[in-house]
Amino acid sequence: MKPQFSSNRVADFVIRLCITLIVSAPVIIWTWDTVKETSGSDVIAASLYILVFCALWILSYFFFSSLSEVLSPGNKNSRKENEENK
């Protein structure tokens, strides 16, 4: 639910825009200062870190999705194993 600051839609938009700019300005300024100070080796290290993190995330996603498939009650293989163990 969006709060209405005034009955005029244009004034409401301007107020929301000003609040957004006030909140986001320090983040943009800090980010730009960080980008200016970044060297080439930092960019390579950051991209390698992102690639490794994404690869680990994808592997864990596949692991947990296959584990949930094996452990699901509707799985035929899990039913066979449960019947053989009884």
N, C-alpha and C. Protein backbone atom coordinates (compact mmCIF):
# COMPACT_ATOMS: atom_id res chain seq x y z
N MET A 1 0.83 -1.17 0.00
CA MET A 1 0.00 0.00 0.00
C MET A 1 0.89 1.24 0.00
N LYS A 2 0.64 2.13 -0.92
CA LYS A 2 1.43 3.36 -1.02
C LYS A 2 0.78 4.46 -0.20
N PRO A 3 1.57 5.13 0.62
CA PRO A 3 1.00 6.28 1.33
C PRO A 3 0.81 7.45 0.38
N GLN A 4 -0.24 8.18 0.56
CA GLN A 4 -0.50 9.36 -0.25
C GLN A 4 -0.10 10.59 0.56
N PHE A 5 0.86 11.33 0.02
CA PHE A 5 1.35 12.50 0.72
C PHE A 5 0.46 13.70 0.50
N SER A 6 -0.19 13.75 -0.64
CA SER A 6 -1.09 14.86 -0.93
C SER A 6 -2.19 14.36 -1.86
N SER A 7 -3.16 15.19 -2.10
CA SER A 7 -4.25 14.78 -2.99
C SER A 7 -3.88 15.00 -4.46
N ASN A 8 -2.85 15.78 -4.73
CA ASN A 8 -2.41 16.05 -6.08
C ASN A 8 -1.40 14.97 -6.51
N ARG A 9 -1.64 14.34 -7.65
CA ARG A 9 -0.77 13.25 -8.10
C ARG A 9 0.62 13.75 -8.46
N VAL A 10 0.72 14.94 -9.04
CA VAL A 10 2.02 15.47 -9.44
C VAL A 10 2.86 15.80 -8.20
N ALA A 11 2.24 16.42 -7.21
CA ALA A 11 2.96 16.73 -5.98
C ALA A 11 3.39 15.45 -5.27
N ASP A 12 2.55 14.45 -5.29
CA ASP A 12 2.89 13.16 -4.69
C ASP A 12 4.10 12.55 -5.39
N PHE A 13 4.14 12.62 -6.72
CA PHE A 13 5.26 12.10 -7.48
C PHE A 13 6.54 12.85 -7.16
N VAL A 14 6.47 14.17 -7.07
CA VAL A 14 7.66 14.98 -6.78
C VAL A 14 8.19 14.67 -5.39
N ILE A 15 7.31 14.50 -4.43
CA ILE A 15 7.74 14.16 -3.06
C ILE A 15 8.41 12.80 -3.05
N ARG A 16 7.84 11.82 -3.73
CA ARG A 16 8.46 10.49 -3.80
C ARG A 16 9.82 10.55 -4.50
N LEU A 17 9.92 11.33 -5.55
CA LEU A 17 11.18 11.48 -6.28
C LEU A 17 12.25 12.11 -5.39
N CYS A 18 11.88 13.13 -4.63
CA CYS A 18 12.84 13.78 -3.73
C CYS A 18 13.31 12.83 -2.63
N ILE A 19 12.39 12.07 -2.07
CA ILE A 19 12.77 11.10 -1.04
C ILE A 19 13.72 10.04 -1.61
N THR A 20 13.43 9.58 -2.82
CA THR A 20 14.29 8.59 -3.46
C THR A 20 15.67 9.15 -3.71
N LEU A 21 15.76 10.37 -4.19
CA LEU A 21 17.06 11.00 -4.45
C LEU A 21 17.85 11.21 -3.16
N ILE A 22 17.17 11.63 -2.10
CA ILE A 22 17.86 11.86 -0.82
C ILE A 22 18.41 10.54 -0.28
N VAL A 23 17.66 9.47 -0.40
CA VAL A 23 18.11 8.18 0.13
C VAL A 23 19.21 7.58 -0.74
N SER A 24 19.09 7.69 -2.05
CA SER A 24 20.05 7.02 -2.94
C SER A 24 21.31 7.83 -3.22
N ALA A 25 21.33 9.12 -2.97
CA ALA A 25 22.49 9.95 -3.29
C ALA A 25 23.77 9.49 -2.57
N PRO A 26 23.76 9.22 -1.26
CA PRO A 26 25.00 8.76 -0.62
C PRO A 26 25.51 7.43 -1.19
N VAL A 27 24.60 6.56 -1.55
CA VAL A 27 25.00 5.27 -2.12
C VAL A 27 25.68 5.48 -3.46
N ILE A 28 25.12 6.33 -4.29
CA ILE A 28 25.70 6.58 -5.62
C ILE A 28 27.05 7.26 -5.48
N ILE A 29 27.19 8.22 -4.59
CA ILE A 29 28.46 8.92 -4.39
C ILE A 29 29.52 7.95 -3.87
N TRP A 30 29.19 7.12 -2.89
CA TRP A 30 30.14 6.16 -2.34
C TRP A 30 30.55 5.14 -3.40
N THR A 31 29.60 4.68 -4.20
CA THR A 31 29.90 3.70 -5.24
C THR A 31 30.83 4.31 -6.28
N TRP A 32 30.59 5.54 -6.68
CA TRP A 32 31.44 6.17 -7.68
C TRP A 32 32.85 6.36 -7.14
N ASP A 33 33.01 6.75 -5.86
CA ASP A 33 34.34 6.87 -5.27
C ASP A 33 35.06 5.52 -5.26
N THR A 34 34.31 4.47 -5.00
CA THR A 34 34.91 3.13 -5.00
C THR A 34 35.33 2.72 -6.40
N VAL A 35 34.52 3.02 -7.39
CA VAL A 35 34.85 2.66 -8.77
C VAL A 35 36.09 3.41 -9.24
N LYS A 36 36.24 4.67 -8.86
CA LYS A 36 37.40 5.45 -9.27
C LYS A 36 38.69 4.87 -8.70
N GLU A 37 38.63 4.29 -7.50
CA GLU A 37 39.82 3.76 -6.83
C GLU A 37 40.11 2.31 -7.19
N THR A 38 39.29 1.68 -8.01
CA THR A 38 39.45 0.27 -8.33
C THR A 38 40.51 0.08 -9.40
N SER A 39 41.42 -0.87 -9.15
CA SER A 39 42.44 -1.18 -10.15
C SER A 39 42.00 -2.38 -10.98
N GLY A 40 42.78 -2.70 -12.00
CA GLY A 40 42.44 -3.82 -12.87
C GLY A 40 42.49 -5.15 -12.15
N SER A 41 43.43 -5.32 -11.24
CA SER A 41 43.52 -6.59 -10.51
C SER A 41 42.32 -6.77 -9.57
N ASP A 42 41.81 -5.65 -9.04
CA ASP A 42 40.62 -5.75 -8.19
C ASP A 42 39.40 -6.20 -9.00
N VAL A 43 39.29 -5.71 -10.22
CA VAL A 43 38.18 -6.10 -11.07
C VAL A 43 38.26 -7.59 -11.41
N ILE A 44 39.46 -8.07 -11.72
CA ILE A 44 39.64 -9.50 -12.03
C ILE A 44 39.33 -10.35 -10.81
N ALA A 45 39.81 -9.95 -9.65
CA ALA A 45 39.54 -10.71 -8.43
C ALA A 45 38.05 -10.74 -8.12
N ALA A 46 37.37 -9.61 -8.29
CA ALA A 46 35.94 -9.55 -8.02
C ALA A 46 35.16 -10.43 -8.99
N SER A 47 35.54 -10.41 -10.27
CA SER A 47 34.81 -11.23 -11.25
C SER A 47 35.07 -12.72 -11.01
N LEU A 48 36.29 -13.09 -10.61
CA LEU A 48 36.55 -14.50 -10.27
C LEU A 48 35.74 -14.93 -9.05
N TYR A 49 35.66 -14.06 -8.06
CA TYR A 49 34.88 -14.36 -6.87
C TYR A 49 33.41 -14.54 -7.24
N ILE A 50 32.88 -13.69 -8.09
CA ILE A 50 31.48 -13.80 -8.50
C ILE A 50 31.26 -15.10 -9.27
N LEU A 51 32.16 -15.46 -10.16
CA LEU A 51 32.02 -16.70 -10.93
C LEU A 51 32.06 -17.93 -10.03
N VAL A 52 33.00 -17.96 -9.08
CA VAL A 52 33.08 -19.10 -8.16
C VAL A 52 31.84 -19.17 -7.29
N PHE A 53 31.38 -18.04 -6.80
CA PHE A 53 30.18 -18.03 -5.96
C PHE A 53 28.96 -18.52 -6.74
N CYS A 54 28.83 -18.09 -7.99
CA CYS A 54 27.70 -18.53 -8.82
C CYS A 54 27.79 -20.02 -9.11
N ALA A 55 29.00 -20.52 -9.37
CA ALA A 55 29.17 -21.95 -9.63
C ALA A 55 28.79 -22.77 -8.40
N LEU A 56 29.21 -22.33 -7.23
CA LEU A 56 28.85 -23.05 -6.01
C LEU A 56 27.35 -22.99 -5.75
N TRP A 57 26.74 -21.85 -6.05
CA TRP A 57 25.29 -21.70 -5.85
C TRP A 57 24.54 -22.64 -6.79
N ILE A 58 24.98 -22.73 -8.04
CA ILE A 58 24.32 -23.61 -9.01
C ILE A 58 24.48 -25.07 -8.60
N LEU A 59 25.69 -25.45 -8.16
CA LEU A 59 25.91 -26.84 -7.72
C LEU A 59 25.04 -27.18 -6.51
N SER A 60 24.95 -26.27 -5.56
CA SER A 60 24.11 -26.55 -4.39
C SER A 60 22.64 -26.59 -4.77
N TYR A 61 22.22 -25.77 -5.73
CA TYR A 61 20.84 -25.81 -6.20
C TYR A 61 20.52 -27.17 -6.82
N PHE A 62 21.41 -27.65 -7.70
CA PHE A 62 21.18 -28.96 -8.31
C PHE A 62 21.21 -30.07 -7.27
N PHE A 63 22.10 -29.98 -6.29
CA PHE A 63 22.18 -30.99 -5.25
C PHE A 63 20.89 -31.05 -4.45
N PHE A 64 20.41 -29.89 -3.98
CA PHE A 64 19.22 -29.89 -3.16
C PHE A 64 17.96 -30.23 -3.96
N SER A 65 17.91 -29.84 -5.23
CA SER A 65 16.74 -30.20 -6.03
C SER A 65 16.72 -31.70 -6.31
N SER A 66 17.87 -32.30 -6.57
CA SER A 66 17.89 -33.75 -6.78
C SER A 66 17.64 -34.49 -5.47
N LEU A 67 18.13 -33.96 -4.35
CA LEU A 67 17.87 -34.59 -3.06
C LEU A 67 16.39 -34.54 -2.72
N SER A 68 15.73 -33.43 -3.00
CA SER A 68 14.30 -33.34 -2.72
C SER A 68 13.51 -34.27 -3.64
N GLU A 69 14.00 -34.47 -4.87
CA GLU A 69 13.34 -35.40 -5.79
C GLU A 69 13.46 -36.83 -5.28
N VAL A 70 14.62 -37.20 -4.78
CA VAL A 70 14.83 -38.55 -4.27
C VAL A 70 14.00 -38.79 -3.01
N LEU A 71 13.92 -37.79 -2.16
CA LEU A 71 13.21 -37.95 -0.88
C LEU A 71 11.71 -37.69 -0.97
N SER A 72 11.22 -37.28 -2.12
CA SER A 72 9.79 -37.00 -2.23
C SER A 72 9.00 -38.29 -2.14
N PRO A 73 7.82 -38.25 -1.52
CA PRO A 73 7.02 -39.47 -1.34
C PRO A 73 6.47 -40.03 -2.65
N GLY A 74 6.37 -39.24 -3.68
CA GLY A 74 5.83 -39.72 -4.95
C GLY A 74 6.86 -40.35 -5.85
N ASN A 75 8.10 -40.45 -5.41
CA ASN A 75 9.17 -40.99 -6.24
C ASN A 75 9.08 -42.51 -6.29
N LYS A 76 9.15 -43.11 -7.48
CA LYS A 76 9.04 -44.57 -7.64
C LYS A 76 10.24 -45.28 -7.02
N ASN A 77 11.43 -44.72 -7.16
CA ASN A 77 12.62 -45.36 -6.60
C ASN A 77 12.57 -45.42 -5.09
N SER A 78 12.08 -44.36 -4.45
CA SER A 78 12.02 -44.37 -2.99
C SER A 78 10.98 -45.37 -2.52
N ARG A 79 9.88 -45.56 -3.27
CA ARG A 79 8.88 -46.57 -2.90
C ARG A 79 9.46 -47.96 -3.00
N LYS A 80 10.22 -48.24 -4.08
CA LYS A 80 10.82 -49.57 -4.24
C LYS A 80 11.79 -49.85 -3.10
N GLU A 81 12.61 -48.87 -2.77
CA GLU A 81 13.58 -49.07 -1.69
C GLU A 81 12.88 -49.30 -0.38
N ASN A 82 11.78 -48.59 -0.12
CA ASN A 82 11.05 -48.77 1.14
C ASN A 82 10.38 -50.13 1.18
N GLU A 83 9.86 -50.62 0.05
CA GLU A 83 9.22 -51.93 0.03
C GLU A 83 10.25 -53.04 0.19
N GLU A 84 11.44 -52.90 -0.39
CA GLU A 84 12.48 -53.90 -0.27
C GLU A 84 13.04 -53.96 1.14
N ASN A 85 13.07 -52.83 1.84
CA ASN A 85 13.61 -52.81 3.19
C ASN A 85 12.63 -53.41 4.20
N LYS A 86 11.35 -53.52 3.87
CA LYS A 86 10.36 -54.04 4.83
C LYS A 86 10.35 -55.49 4.84
